[in-house]
Amino acid sequence: EVQLVESGGGSVQAGGSLTLSCTASGFTFDDSYMAWYRQRPGNGCELVLGFDSAGTLYTGDSVKGRATISQDNAKNTVLLQMNRLKREDTAMYYCAAAEPPITWGRVGWMIPRDDEYKYWGQGTQVTVSL
């Protein structure tokens, strides 16, 4: 059974930092492309950070310079670290995985198309307050 389990969400003050963790099981983690998405209130899901075909990190404009992810294949985990949090970072954050073969689909980047991410966690809520 495929599982992606996120943790680390909660309430954070603006300007602060957080680390979200995602632990994966049930699929070949090493061969997969991991990403973090988020859904802000009233919005659709947006890609926050994800790895491209060369292992380069794609960072969404909304978090550029403030966020990074790291992947530990030995532990089947991927971390999302964000700093200088803003109120607009308030969202449900989801860990997602795409397995090969991949259909790439983001202009200028070899990033899996959004619908290529077949595995999703249940999400973890992050609320940023002033």
N, C-alpha and C. Protein backbone atom coordinates (compact mmCIF):
# COMPACT_ATOMS: atom_id res chain seq x y z
N GLU A 1 0.85 -1.19 0.00
CA GLU A 1 0.00 0.00 0.00
C GLU A 1 0.89 1.24 0.00
N VAL A 2 0.59 2.13 -0.95
CA VAL A 2 1.35 3.38 -1.03
C VAL A 2 0.88 4.33 0.06
N GLN A 3 1.85 4.92 0.73
CA GLN A 3 1.52 5.93 1.74
C GLN A 3 2.50 7.08 1.69
N LEU A 4 1.95 8.28 1.79
CA LEU A 4 2.75 9.48 2.00
C LEU A 4 2.15 10.15 3.23
N VAL A 5 2.98 10.31 4.25
CA VAL A 5 2.47 10.86 5.51
C VAL A 5 3.23 12.13 5.83
N GLU A 6 2.50 13.25 5.84
CA GLU A 6 3.11 14.53 6.17
C GLU A 6 2.97 14.83 7.66
N SER A 7 3.91 15.58 8.15
CA SER A 7 3.84 16.05 9.53
C SER A 7 4.58 17.37 9.64
N GLY A 8 4.36 18.04 10.76
CA GLY A 8 5.10 19.27 11.02
C GLY A 8 4.32 20.54 10.85
N GLY A 9 3.07 20.44 10.41
CA GLY A 9 2.27 21.65 10.25
C GLY A 9 1.84 22.20 11.59
N GLY A 10 1.21 23.36 11.55
CA GLY A 10 0.74 24.00 12.76
C GLY A 10 0.64 25.49 12.57
N SER A 11 0.58 26.20 13.68
CA SER A 11 0.48 27.65 13.65
C SER A 11 1.86 28.25 13.84
N VAL A 12 2.17 29.22 13.02
CA VAL A 12 3.48 29.87 13.06
C VAL A 12 3.28 31.36 12.92
N GLN A 13 4.11 32.12 13.56
CA GLN A 13 4.04 33.58 13.41
C GLN A 13 4.74 34.02 12.14
N ALA A 14 4.21 35.06 11.55
CA ALA A 14 4.83 35.63 10.37
C ALA A 14 6.28 35.98 10.67
N GLY A 15 7.13 35.67 9.70
CA GLY A 15 8.56 35.90 9.89
C GLY A 15 9.29 34.69 10.42
N GLY A 16 8.54 33.71 10.90
CA GLY A 16 9.13 32.51 11.47
C GLY A 16 9.47 31.48 10.41
N SER A 17 9.83 30.30 10.89
CA SER A 17 10.25 29.21 10.01
C SER A 17 9.51 27.93 10.37
N LEU A 18 9.50 27.02 9.44
CA LEU A 18 8.94 25.70 9.74
C LEU A 18 9.59 24.66 8.86
N THR A 19 9.48 23.43 9.31
CA THR A 19 9.93 22.28 8.52
C THR A 19 8.81 21.26 8.48
N LEU A 20 8.41 20.90 7.28
CA LEU A 20 7.43 19.84 7.09
C LEU A 20 8.16 18.58 6.65
N SER A 21 7.66 17.47 7.10
CA SER A 21 8.27 16.19 6.77
C SER A 21 7.27 15.30 6.05
N CYS A 22 7.77 14.52 5.11
CA CYS A 22 6.92 13.56 4.40
C CYS A 22 7.66 12.23 4.39
N THR A 23 7.01 11.21 4.89
CA THR A 23 7.59 9.87 4.89
C THR A 23 6.81 9.00 3.93
N ALA A 24 7.54 8.32 3.04
CA ALA A 24 6.91 7.55 1.98
C ALA A 24 7.11 6.06 2.17
N SER A 25 6.17 5.30 1.67
CA SER A 25 6.30 3.85 1.69
C SER A 25 5.41 3.26 0.60
N GLY A 26 5.73 2.04 0.19
CA GLY A 26 4.87 1.33 -0.76
C GLY A 26 5.20 1.53 -2.22
N PHE A 27 6.24 2.30 -2.53
CA PHE A 27 6.68 2.48 -3.91
C PHE A 27 8.17 2.74 -3.89
N THR A 28 8.78 2.74 -5.09
CA THR A 28 10.23 2.90 -5.20
C THR A 28 10.58 4.37 -5.06
N PHE A 29 10.89 4.76 -3.85
CA PHE A 29 11.12 6.17 -3.52
C PHE A 29 12.29 6.75 -4.31
N ASP A 30 13.38 5.96 -4.43
CA ASP A 30 14.60 6.45 -5.08
C ASP A 30 14.34 6.85 -6.54
N ASP A 31 13.46 6.14 -7.20
CA ASP A 31 13.22 6.38 -8.62
C ASP A 31 12.14 7.43 -8.87
N SER A 32 11.52 7.89 -7.81
CA SER A 32 10.37 8.78 -7.96
C SER A 32 10.78 10.24 -7.88
N TYR A 33 9.91 11.07 -8.37
CA TYR A 33 10.11 12.52 -8.34
C TYR A 33 9.16 13.08 -7.28
N MET A 34 9.78 13.67 -6.27
CA MET A 34 9.00 14.17 -5.14
C MET A 34 8.76 15.66 -5.27
N ALA A 35 7.65 16.09 -4.70
CA ALA A 35 7.30 17.51 -4.76
C ALA A 35 6.42 17.87 -3.58
N TRP A 36 6.35 19.16 -3.31
CA TRP A 36 5.41 19.69 -2.34
C TRP A 36 4.46 20.64 -3.06
N TYR A 37 3.18 20.44 -2.83
CA TYR A 37 2.15 21.32 -3.33
C TYR A 37 1.47 21.98 -2.13
N ARG A 38 0.73 23.02 -2.41
CA ARG A 38 -0.10 23.60 -1.35
C ARG A 38 -1.41 24.12 -1.95
N GLN A 39 -2.39 24.18 -1.10
CA GLN A 39 -3.67 24.74 -1.50
C GLN A 39 -4.05 25.82 -0.51
N ARG A 40 -4.02 27.04 -0.97
CA ARG A 40 -4.39 28.18 -0.12
C ARG A 40 -5.90 28.33 -0.14
N PRO A 41 -6.49 28.90 0.88
CA PRO A 41 -7.94 29.07 0.94
C PRO A 41 -8.48 29.75 -0.31
N GLY A 42 -9.44 29.10 -0.95
CA GLY A 42 -10.08 29.67 -2.13
C GLY A 42 -9.29 29.48 -3.41
N ASN A 43 -8.16 28.78 -3.34
CA ASN A 43 -7.32 28.58 -4.53
C ASN A 43 -7.19 27.11 -4.87
N GLY A 44 -6.72 26.84 -6.07
CA GLY A 44 -6.40 25.48 -6.45
C GLY A 44 -5.03 25.09 -5.93
N CYS A 45 -4.65 23.86 -6.16
CA CYS A 45 -3.34 23.38 -5.74
C CYS A 45 -2.25 24.02 -6.59
N GLU A 46 -1.17 24.41 -5.96
CA GLU A 46 -0.04 24.96 -6.70
C GLU A 46 1.23 24.21 -6.31
N LEU A 47 2.09 24.02 -7.29
CA LEU A 47 3.39 23.40 -7.03
C LEU A 47 4.27 24.40 -6.30
N VAL A 48 4.76 24.00 -5.15
CA VAL A 48 5.64 24.87 -4.37
C VAL A 48 7.10 24.59 -4.72
N LEU A 49 7.47 23.33 -4.62
CA LEU A 49 8.84 22.91 -4.91
C LEU A 49 8.80 21.49 -5.44
N GLY A 50 9.69 21.21 -6.37
CA GLY A 50 9.77 19.85 -6.88
C GLY A 50 11.08 19.65 -7.61
N PHE A 51 11.46 18.38 -7.74
CA PHE A 51 12.70 18.05 -8.44
C PHE A 51 12.42 17.79 -9.91
N ASP A 52 13.33 18.27 -10.75
CA ASP A 52 13.20 18.00 -12.17
C ASP A 52 13.98 16.74 -12.53
N SER A 53 14.03 16.44 -13.84
CA SER A 53 14.64 15.19 -14.30
C SER A 53 16.12 15.09 -13.97
N ALA A 54 16.79 16.22 -13.77
CA ALA A 54 18.22 16.23 -13.47
C ALA A 54 18.47 16.34 -11.97
N GLY A 55 17.41 16.34 -11.19
CA GLY A 55 17.58 16.49 -9.75
C GLY A 55 17.70 17.92 -9.30
N THR A 56 17.50 18.85 -10.23
CA THR A 56 17.53 20.27 -9.89
C THR A 56 16.20 20.66 -9.25
N LEU A 57 16.27 21.55 -8.30
CA LEU A 57 15.06 21.93 -7.58
C LEU A 57 14.36 23.07 -8.30
N TYR A 58 13.09 22.84 -8.60
CA TYR A 58 12.22 23.90 -9.11
C TYR A 58 11.54 24.54 -7.92
N THR A 59 11.57 25.86 -7.88
CA THR A 59 10.94 26.59 -6.78
C THR A 59 9.89 27.53 -7.33
N GLY A 60 8.69 27.43 -6.81
CA GLY A 60 7.62 28.32 -7.24
C GLY A 60 7.93 29.76 -6.88
N ASP A 61 7.42 30.68 -7.70
CA ASP A 61 7.71 32.09 -7.50
C ASP A 61 7.28 32.59 -6.12
N SER A 62 6.20 32.03 -5.62
CA SER A 62 5.66 32.53 -4.36
C SER A 62 6.55 32.23 -3.15
N VAL A 63 7.47 31.29 -3.30
CA VAL A 63 8.34 30.95 -2.16
C VAL A 63 9.81 31.07 -2.52
N LYS A 64 10.10 31.61 -3.68
CA LYS A 64 11.49 31.68 -4.14
C LYS A 64 12.34 32.44 -3.13
N GLY A 65 13.48 31.83 -2.80
CA GLY A 65 14.40 32.45 -1.85
C GLY A 65 14.04 32.19 -0.40
N ARG A 66 12.90 31.53 -0.16
CA ARG A 66 12.46 31.30 1.22
C ARG A 66 12.24 29.83 1.54
N ALA A 67 12.37 28.97 0.54
CA ALA A 67 12.02 27.58 0.79
C ALA A 67 12.96 26.65 0.04
N THR A 68 13.12 25.47 0.58
CA THR A 68 13.89 24.45 -0.09
C THR A 68 13.38 23.09 0.37
N ILE A 69 13.68 22.07 -0.40
CA ILE A 69 13.36 20.73 0.03
C ILE A 69 14.61 19.87 -0.03
N SER A 70 14.62 18.85 0.77
CA SER A 70 15.73 17.90 0.76
C SER A 70 15.16 16.50 0.84
N GLN A 71 15.82 15.60 0.16
CA GLN A 71 15.32 14.23 0.06
C GLN A 71 16.36 13.28 0.62
N ASP A 72 15.92 12.39 1.49
CA ASP A 72 16.80 11.37 2.08
C ASP A 72 16.30 10.01 1.62
N ASN A 73 16.99 9.44 0.64
CA ASN A 73 16.54 8.17 0.08
C ASN A 73 16.70 7.01 1.07
N ALA A 74 17.63 7.14 2.00
CA ALA A 74 17.83 6.08 2.99
C ALA A 74 16.65 6.00 3.95
N LYS A 75 16.01 7.15 4.18
CA LYS A 75 14.90 7.19 5.14
C LYS A 75 13.55 7.34 4.45
N ASN A 76 13.57 7.40 3.12
CA ASN A 76 12.32 7.62 2.37
C ASN A 76 11.57 8.85 2.85
N THR A 77 12.31 9.91 3.07
CA THR A 77 11.67 11.14 3.55
C THR A 77 12.07 12.32 2.67
N VAL A 78 11.19 13.28 2.64
CA VAL A 78 11.49 14.54 1.97
C VAL A 78 11.01 15.65 2.88
N LEU A 79 11.88 16.61 3.11
CA LEU A 79 11.57 17.72 4.00
C LEU A 79 11.33 18.99 3.19
N LEU A 80 10.41 19.79 3.68
CA LEU A 80 10.19 21.13 3.15
C LEU A 80 10.56 22.12 4.24
N GLN A 81 11.49 22.98 3.97
CA GLN A 81 11.91 23.99 4.94
C GLN A 81 11.58 25.37 4.36
N MET A 82 10.86 26.14 5.16
CA MET A 82 10.48 27.48 4.74
C MET A 82 10.83 28.46 5.83
N ASN A 83 11.29 29.64 5.42
CA ASN A 83 11.56 30.69 6.40
C ASN A 83 10.91 31.99 5.95
N ARG A 84 11.03 32.99 6.77
CA ARG A 84 10.39 34.30 6.52
C ARG A 84 8.94 34.10 6.08
N LEU A 85 8.24 33.32 6.86
CA LEU A 85 6.86 32.98 6.52
C LEU A 85 5.98 34.22 6.47
N LYS A 86 5.02 34.15 5.53
CA LYS A 86 4.07 35.24 5.35
C LYS A 86 2.67 34.71 5.56
N ARG A 87 1.74 35.59 5.81
CA ARG A 87 0.35 35.15 6.00
C ARG A 87 -0.14 34.40 4.78
N GLU A 88 0.31 34.81 3.61
CA GLU A 88 -0.14 34.14 2.39
C GLU A 88 0.45 32.75 2.21
N ASP A 89 1.32 32.34 3.11
CA ASP A 89 1.79 30.95 3.09
C ASP A 89 0.81 30.02 3.82
N THR A 90 -0.22 30.60 4.42
CA THR A 90 -1.25 29.79 5.06
C THR A 90 -1.91 28.90 4.02
N ALA A 91 -1.85 27.60 4.25
CA ALA A 91 -2.35 26.64 3.24
C ALA A 91 -2.29 25.23 3.81
N MET A 92 -2.94 24.33 3.09
CA MET A 92 -2.75 22.90 3.33
C MET A 92 -1.60 22.48 2.42
N TYR A 93 -0.60 21.85 3.00
CA TYR A 93 0.58 21.44 2.25
C TYR A 93 0.53 19.94 2.02
N TYR A 94 0.80 19.55 0.78
CA TYR A 94 0.74 18.15 0.38
C TYR A 94 2.07 17.70 -0.20
N CYS A 95 2.46 16.52 0.19
CA CYS A 95 3.59 15.83 -0.41
C CYS A 95 3.06 14.99 -1.56
N ALA A 96 3.79 14.96 -2.67
CA ALA A 96 3.33 14.21 -3.83
C ALA A 96 4.51 13.50 -4.49
N ALA A 97 4.20 12.38 -5.16
CA ALA A 97 5.23 11.58 -5.81
C ALA A 97 4.79 11.18 -7.21
N ALA A 98 5.73 11.23 -8.13
CA ALA A 98 5.50 10.80 -9.51
C ALA A 98 6.50 9.72 -9.84
N GLU A 99 5.99 8.61 -10.37
CA GLU A 99 6.86 7.51 -10.75
C GLU A 99 7.07 7.47 -12.25
N PRO A 100 8.26 7.05 -12.69
CA PRO A 100 8.48 6.88 -14.13
C PRO A 100 7.59 5.77 -14.68
N PRO A 101 7.27 5.81 -15.97
CA PRO A 101 7.66 6.85 -16.92
C PRO A 101 6.87 8.14 -16.68
N ILE A 102 7.53 9.25 -16.99
CA ILE A 102 6.99 10.56 -16.67
C ILE A 102 6.66 11.31 -17.95
N THR A 103 5.55 12.00 -17.94
CA THR A 103 5.25 13.00 -18.97
C THR A 103 5.60 14.36 -18.37
N TRP A 104 6.59 15.01 -19.00
CA TRP A 104 7.09 16.27 -18.46
C TRP A 104 6.19 17.40 -18.95
N GLY A 105 6.00 18.38 -18.09
CA GLY A 105 5.06 19.40 -18.55
C GLY A 105 5.09 20.73 -17.84
N ARG A 106 6.24 21.37 -17.80
CA ARG A 106 6.25 22.73 -17.26
C ARG A 106 7.22 23.52 -18.12
N VAL A 107 6.80 24.65 -18.63
CA VAL A 107 7.60 25.43 -19.57
C VAL A 107 8.98 25.71 -18.99
N GLY A 108 10.00 25.28 -19.73
CA GLY A 108 11.37 25.56 -19.32
C GLY A 108 11.94 24.60 -18.31
N TRP A 109 11.13 23.68 -17.82
CA TRP A 109 11.58 22.75 -16.80
C TRP A 109 11.10 21.35 -17.14
N MET A 110 11.98 20.37 -16.87
CA MET A 110 11.59 18.98 -17.00
C MET A 110 11.02 18.53 -15.66
N ILE A 111 9.82 19.04 -15.41
CA ILE A 111 9.11 18.73 -14.17
C ILE A 111 7.91 17.87 -14.54
N PRO A 112 7.60 16.87 -13.74
CA PRO A 112 6.40 16.09 -14.05
C PRO A 112 5.16 16.97 -14.18
N ARG A 113 4.33 16.65 -15.16
CA ARG A 113 3.07 17.33 -15.28
C ARG A 113 2.28 17.13 -14.01
N ASP A 114 1.45 18.07 -13.68
CA ASP A 114 0.71 17.98 -12.41
C ASP A 114 -0.02 16.65 -12.26
N ASP A 115 -0.61 16.16 -13.32
CA ASP A 115 -1.38 14.92 -13.20
C ASP A 115 -0.50 13.67 -13.20
N GLU A 116 0.82 13.86 -13.30
CA GLU A 116 1.74 12.73 -13.20
C GLU A 116 2.00 12.35 -11.74
N TYR A 117 1.69 13.26 -10.83
CA TYR A 117 1.86 12.94 -9.41
C TYR A 117 0.69 12.08 -8.97
N LYS A 118 0.93 10.77 -8.94
CA LYS A 118 -0.14 9.82 -8.67
C LYS A 118 -0.36 9.59 -7.18
N TYR A 119 0.67 9.83 -6.40
CA TYR A 119 0.58 9.55 -4.98
C TYR A 119 0.60 10.86 -4.20
N TRP A 120 -0.33 10.99 -3.28
CA TRP A 120 -0.48 12.20 -2.48
C TRP A 120 -0.67 11.84 -1.02
N GLY A 121 -0.13 12.70 -0.16
CA GLY A 121 -0.39 12.56 1.26
C GLY A 121 -1.73 13.18 1.61
N GLN A 122 -2.07 13.11 2.88
CA GLN A 122 -3.35 13.63 3.34
C GLN A 122 -3.30 15.13 3.60
N GLY A 123 -2.09 15.66 3.62
CA GLY A 123 -1.91 17.08 3.82
C GLY A 123 -1.67 17.45 5.27
N THR A 124 -0.97 18.55 5.45
CA THR A 124 -0.75 19.09 6.78
C THR A 124 -0.98 20.61 6.72
N GLN A 125 -1.76 21.11 7.65
CA GLN A 125 -2.16 22.51 7.63
C GLN A 125 -1.09 23.40 8.24
N VAL A 126 -0.80 24.47 7.54
CA VAL A 126 0.10 25.51 8.06
C VAL A 126 -0.69 26.81 8.13
N THR A 127 -0.70 27.42 9.28
CA THR A 127 -1.40 28.69 9.47
C THR A 127 -0.39 29.72 9.97
N VAL A 128 -0.26 30.79 9.21
CA VAL A 128 0.69 31.84 9.58
C VAL A 128 -0.09 33.05 10.06
N SER A 129 0.21 33.49 11.26
CA SER A 129 -0.49 34.63 11.84
C SER A 129 0.48 35.78 12.09
N LEU A 130 -0.12 36.96 12.18
CA LEU A 130 0.72 38.14 12.41
C LEU A 130 1.21 38.17 13.86
